[in-house]
Amino acid sequence: MPIRITILSGDRQGQQLEFDQATIEIGDQLGDDIRFDVTANPGIRDRRVTLKWLNGSWSAVSGGVIDRKSTRLNSSHANISYA
């Protein structure tokens, strides 16, 4: 289930991060696996998404609900963006 995430915009554009865990927290809070600075990226304030490895594919979960727009985030995709 390893996944490589490339940040596509903002002050960390182009940064690549690799994870080998079943849950990845993304947001602006301490303890998030990918944490964005709201001073440099004001659009991220109070936004959060969790990527979960479920049934053999990656899913985006926002507010505890699987986001149907991005339900299947297959790690074989060259680019995955989530707004």
N, C-alpha and C. Protein backbone atom coordinates (compact mmCIF):
# COMPACT_ATOMS: atom_id res chain seq x y z
N MET A 1 0.78 -1.19 0.00
CA MET A 1 0.00 0.00 0.00
C MET A 1 0.83 1.27 0.00
N PRO A 2 2.11 1.25 -0.27
CA PRO A 2 2.88 2.49 -0.28
C PRO A 2 2.29 3.50 -1.26
N ILE A 3 2.38 4.76 -0.89
CA ILE A 3 1.85 5.82 -1.75
C ILE A 3 2.83 7.00 -1.72
N ARG A 4 2.98 7.64 -2.87
CA ARG A 4 3.79 8.85 -2.98
C ARG A 4 2.83 9.99 -3.31
N ILE A 5 2.89 11.03 -2.52
CA ILE A 5 2.03 12.19 -2.72
C ILE A 5 2.91 13.36 -3.14
N THR A 6 2.53 14.00 -4.25
CA THR A 6 3.22 15.20 -4.71
C THR A 6 2.30 16.39 -4.49
N ILE A 7 2.80 17.40 -3.81
CA ILE A 7 2.02 18.61 -3.56
C ILE A 7 2.08 19.45 -4.83
N LEU A 8 0.90 19.78 -5.37
CA LEU A 8 0.81 20.40 -6.68
C LEU A 8 0.76 21.92 -6.66
N SER A 9 0.47 22.53 -5.53
CA SER A 9 0.40 24.00 -5.49
C SER A 9 0.72 24.49 -4.09
N GLY A 10 0.81 25.82 -3.96
CA GLY A 10 1.09 26.42 -2.66
C GLY A 10 2.57 26.53 -2.40
N ASP A 11 2.91 26.89 -1.17
CA ASP A 11 4.31 27.14 -0.83
C ASP A 11 5.15 25.87 -0.82
N ARG A 12 4.52 24.69 -0.82
CA ARG A 12 5.27 23.42 -0.82
C ARG A 12 5.18 22.71 -2.17
N GLN A 13 4.79 23.45 -3.22
CA GLN A 13 4.62 22.89 -4.55
C GLN A 13 5.85 22.08 -4.97
N GLY A 14 5.59 20.88 -5.48
CA GLY A 14 6.65 20.01 -5.96
C GLY A 14 7.22 19.07 -4.91
N GLN A 15 6.92 19.31 -3.65
CA GLN A 15 7.42 18.42 -2.59
C GLN A 15 6.77 17.05 -2.73
N GLN A 16 7.58 16.00 -2.59
CA GLN A 16 7.07 14.63 -2.65
C GLN A 16 7.23 13.97 -1.29
N LEU A 17 6.18 13.31 -0.87
CA LEU A 17 6.16 12.61 0.41
C LEU A 17 5.76 11.17 0.17
N GLU A 18 6.40 10.25 0.86
CA GLU A 18 6.07 8.83 0.73
C GLU A 18 5.57 8.29 2.06
N PHE A 19 4.54 7.47 1.98
CA PHE A 19 3.95 6.88 3.17
C PHE A 19 3.74 5.40 2.95
N ASP A 20 3.85 4.63 4.03
CA ASP A 20 3.58 3.20 4.01
C ASP A 20 2.71 2.89 5.21
N GLN A 21 1.55 3.53 5.23
CA GLN A 21 0.59 3.35 6.33
C GLN A 21 -0.81 3.40 5.74
N ALA A 22 -1.78 2.86 6.43
CA ALA A 22 -3.13 2.72 5.90
C ALA A 22 -3.98 3.98 6.04
N THR A 23 -3.56 4.95 6.84
CA THR A 23 -4.32 6.19 7.02
C THR A 23 -3.36 7.36 6.99
N ILE A 24 -3.71 8.39 6.22
CA ILE A 24 -2.90 9.60 6.12
C ILE A 24 -3.81 10.80 6.37
N GLU A 25 -3.48 11.57 7.39
CA GLU A 25 -4.25 12.76 7.74
C GLU A 25 -3.63 13.98 7.08
N ILE A 26 -4.45 14.79 6.42
CA ILE A 26 -3.97 16.00 5.74
C ILE A 26 -4.79 17.18 6.23
N GLY A 27 -4.10 18.23 6.69
CA GLY A 27 -4.81 19.41 7.16
C GLY A 27 -3.86 20.44 7.73
N ASP A 28 -4.36 21.21 8.70
CA ASP A 28 -3.54 22.28 9.29
C ASP A 28 -3.32 22.08 10.79
N GLN A 29 -3.59 20.89 11.28
CA GLN A 29 -3.50 20.62 12.72
C GLN A 29 -2.19 19.92 13.09
N LEU A 30 -1.72 20.21 14.31
CA LEU A 30 -0.57 19.47 14.83
C LEU A 30 -0.89 17.98 14.80
N GLY A 31 0.06 17.18 14.43
CA GLY A 31 -0.16 15.74 14.38
C GLY A 31 -0.62 15.23 13.03
N ASP A 32 -1.02 16.11 12.11
CA ASP A 32 -1.39 15.66 10.77
C ASP A 32 -0.14 15.12 10.06
N ASP A 33 -0.31 14.08 9.27
CA ASP A 33 0.82 13.50 8.53
C ASP A 33 1.34 14.50 7.49
N ILE A 34 0.43 15.21 6.84
CA ILE A 34 0.80 16.31 5.94
C ILE A 34 0.13 17.55 6.51
N ARG A 35 0.96 18.46 7.01
CA ARG A 35 0.44 19.65 7.67
C ARG A 35 0.80 20.88 6.84
N PHE A 36 -0.22 21.69 6.54
CA PHE A 36 -0.03 22.91 5.79
C PHE A 36 -0.10 24.11 6.72
N ASP A 37 0.74 25.08 6.46
CA ASP A 37 0.77 26.33 7.23
C ASP A 37 -0.31 27.25 6.68
N VAL A 38 -1.29 27.62 7.53
CA VAL A 38 -2.39 28.46 7.07
C VAL A 38 -1.95 29.88 6.75
N THR A 39 -0.81 30.31 7.30
CA THR A 39 -0.30 31.64 6.96
C THR A 39 0.11 31.68 5.49
N ALA A 40 0.81 30.65 5.03
CA ALA A 40 1.26 30.57 3.64
C ALA A 40 0.18 30.03 2.71
N ASN A 41 -0.77 29.28 3.27
CA ASN A 41 -1.83 28.64 2.48
C ASN A 41 -3.18 28.89 3.15
N PRO A 42 -3.71 30.13 3.11
CA PRO A 42 -4.93 30.45 3.85
C PRO A 42 -6.15 29.63 3.44
N GLY A 43 -6.18 29.10 2.22
CA GLY A 43 -7.31 28.31 1.77
C GLY A 43 -7.46 26.97 2.47
N ILE A 44 -6.44 26.53 3.17
CA ILE A 44 -6.48 25.23 3.85
C ILE A 44 -7.11 25.32 5.25
N ARG A 45 -7.24 26.53 5.77
CA ARG A 45 -7.75 26.69 7.14
C ARG A 45 -9.06 25.92 7.33
N ASP A 46 -9.09 25.11 8.38
CA ASP A 46 -10.26 24.32 8.78
C ASP A 46 -10.69 23.30 7.73
N ARG A 47 -9.84 23.00 6.77
CA ARG A 47 -10.14 21.94 5.80
C ARG A 47 -9.29 20.73 6.15
N ARG A 48 -9.87 19.56 5.99
CA ARG A 48 -9.16 18.35 6.38
C ARG A 48 -9.66 17.19 5.53
N VAL A 49 -8.73 16.32 5.21
CA VAL A 49 -9.08 15.10 4.49
C VAL A 49 -8.22 13.96 5.04
N THR A 50 -8.80 12.80 5.06
CA THR A 50 -8.08 11.60 5.46
C THR A 50 -8.05 10.66 4.27
N LEU A 51 -6.87 10.20 3.91
CA LEU A 51 -6.76 9.17 2.88
C LEU A 51 -6.68 7.83 3.59
N LYS A 52 -7.50 6.88 3.14
CA LYS A 52 -7.54 5.55 3.78
C LYS A 52 -7.41 4.47 2.72
N TRP A 53 -6.64 3.46 3.06
CA TRP A 53 -6.51 2.27 2.23
C TRP A 53 -7.66 1.35 2.59
N LEU A 54 -8.64 1.24 1.68
CA LEU A 54 -9.84 0.44 1.93
C LEU A 54 -10.08 -0.50 0.77
N ASN A 55 -10.20 -1.77 1.05
CA ASN A 55 -10.54 -2.77 0.03
C ASN A 55 -9.63 -2.70 -1.19
N GLY A 56 -8.33 -2.49 -0.98
CA GLY A 56 -7.38 -2.53 -2.08
C GLY A 56 -7.20 -1.25 -2.87
N SER A 57 -7.77 -0.14 -2.39
CA SER A 57 -7.57 1.13 -3.07
C SER A 57 -7.63 2.27 -2.05
N TRP A 58 -7.13 3.42 -2.46
CA TRP A 58 -7.15 4.61 -1.59
C TRP A 58 -8.47 5.33 -1.74
N SER A 59 -9.02 5.78 -0.62
CA SER A 59 -10.26 6.57 -0.60
C SER A 59 -10.03 7.84 0.18
N ALA A 60 -10.70 8.91 -0.23
CA ALA A 60 -10.64 10.18 0.48
C ALA A 60 -11.86 10.26 1.39
N VAL A 61 -11.61 10.54 2.67
CA VAL A 61 -12.68 10.64 3.65
C VAL A 61 -12.63 12.04 4.24
N SER A 62 -13.74 12.75 4.13
CA SER A 62 -13.82 14.11 4.65
C SER A 62 -15.00 14.19 5.61
N GLY A 63 -14.77 14.64 6.83
CA GLY A 63 -15.85 14.72 7.81
C GLY A 63 -16.40 13.36 8.19
N GLY A 64 -15.57 12.31 8.07
CA GLY A 64 -16.01 10.97 8.43
C GLY A 64 -16.78 10.26 7.34
N VAL A 65 -16.99 10.92 6.18
CA VAL A 65 -17.76 10.34 5.09
C VAL A 65 -16.85 10.18 3.88
N ILE A 66 -16.94 9.04 3.21
CA ILE A 66 -16.15 8.84 1.99
C ILE A 66 -16.64 9.83 0.95
N ASP A 67 -15.73 10.60 0.41
CA ASP A 67 -16.05 11.60 -0.60
C ASP A 67 -16.30 10.90 -1.93
N ARG A 68 -17.53 10.92 -2.41
CA ARG A 68 -17.89 10.20 -3.63
C ARG A 68 -17.21 10.76 -4.88
N LYS A 69 -16.76 12.02 -4.84
CA LYS A 69 -16.04 12.59 -5.98
C LYS A 69 -14.67 11.95 -6.12
N SER A 70 -14.10 11.48 -5.03
CA SER A 70 -12.73 10.96 -5.04
C SER A 70 -12.64 9.62 -4.35
N THR A 71 -13.67 8.79 -4.49
CA THR A 71 -13.71 7.54 -3.76
C THR A 71 -12.54 6.63 -4.10
N ARG A 72 -12.19 6.53 -5.37
CA ARG A 72 -11.12 5.63 -5.79
C ARG A 72 -9.88 6.42 -6.15
N LEU A 73 -8.93 6.45 -5.25
CA LEU A 73 -7.65 7.10 -5.49
C LEU A 73 -6.62 5.99 -5.61
N ASN A 74 -6.48 5.44 -6.77
CA ASN A 74 -5.59 4.31 -6.98
C ASN A 74 -4.15 4.80 -6.98
N SER A 75 -3.30 4.18 -6.20
CA SER A 75 -1.92 4.62 -6.08
C SER A 75 -1.14 4.43 -7.38
N SER A 76 -1.73 3.80 -8.38
CA SER A 76 -1.04 3.68 -9.67
C SER A 76 -1.22 4.93 -10.53
N HIS A 77 -2.14 5.82 -10.14
CA HIS A 77 -2.31 7.06 -10.89
C HIS A 77 -1.06 7.91 -10.79
N ALA A 78 -0.69 8.56 -11.89
CA ALA A 78 0.51 9.41 -11.88
C ALA A 78 0.29 10.64 -11.00
N ASN A 79 -0.90 11.22 -11.03
CA ASN A 79 -1.21 12.42 -10.24
C ASN A 79 -2.58 12.27 -9.61
N ILE A 80 -2.67 12.58 -8.36
CA ILE A 80 -3.95 12.60 -7.67
C ILE A 80 -4.08 13.99 -7.06
N SER A 81 -5.14 14.71 -7.41
CA SER A 81 -5.35 16.00 -6.79
C SER A 81 -6.66 15.97 -6.04
N TYR A 82 -6.70 16.66 -4.96
CA TYR A 82 -7.91 16.72 -4.15
C TYR A 82 -8.07 18.16 -3.67
N ALA A 83 -9.17 18.78 -4.01
CA ALA A 83 -9.41 20.17 -3.61
C ALA A 83 -10.57 20.25 -2.66
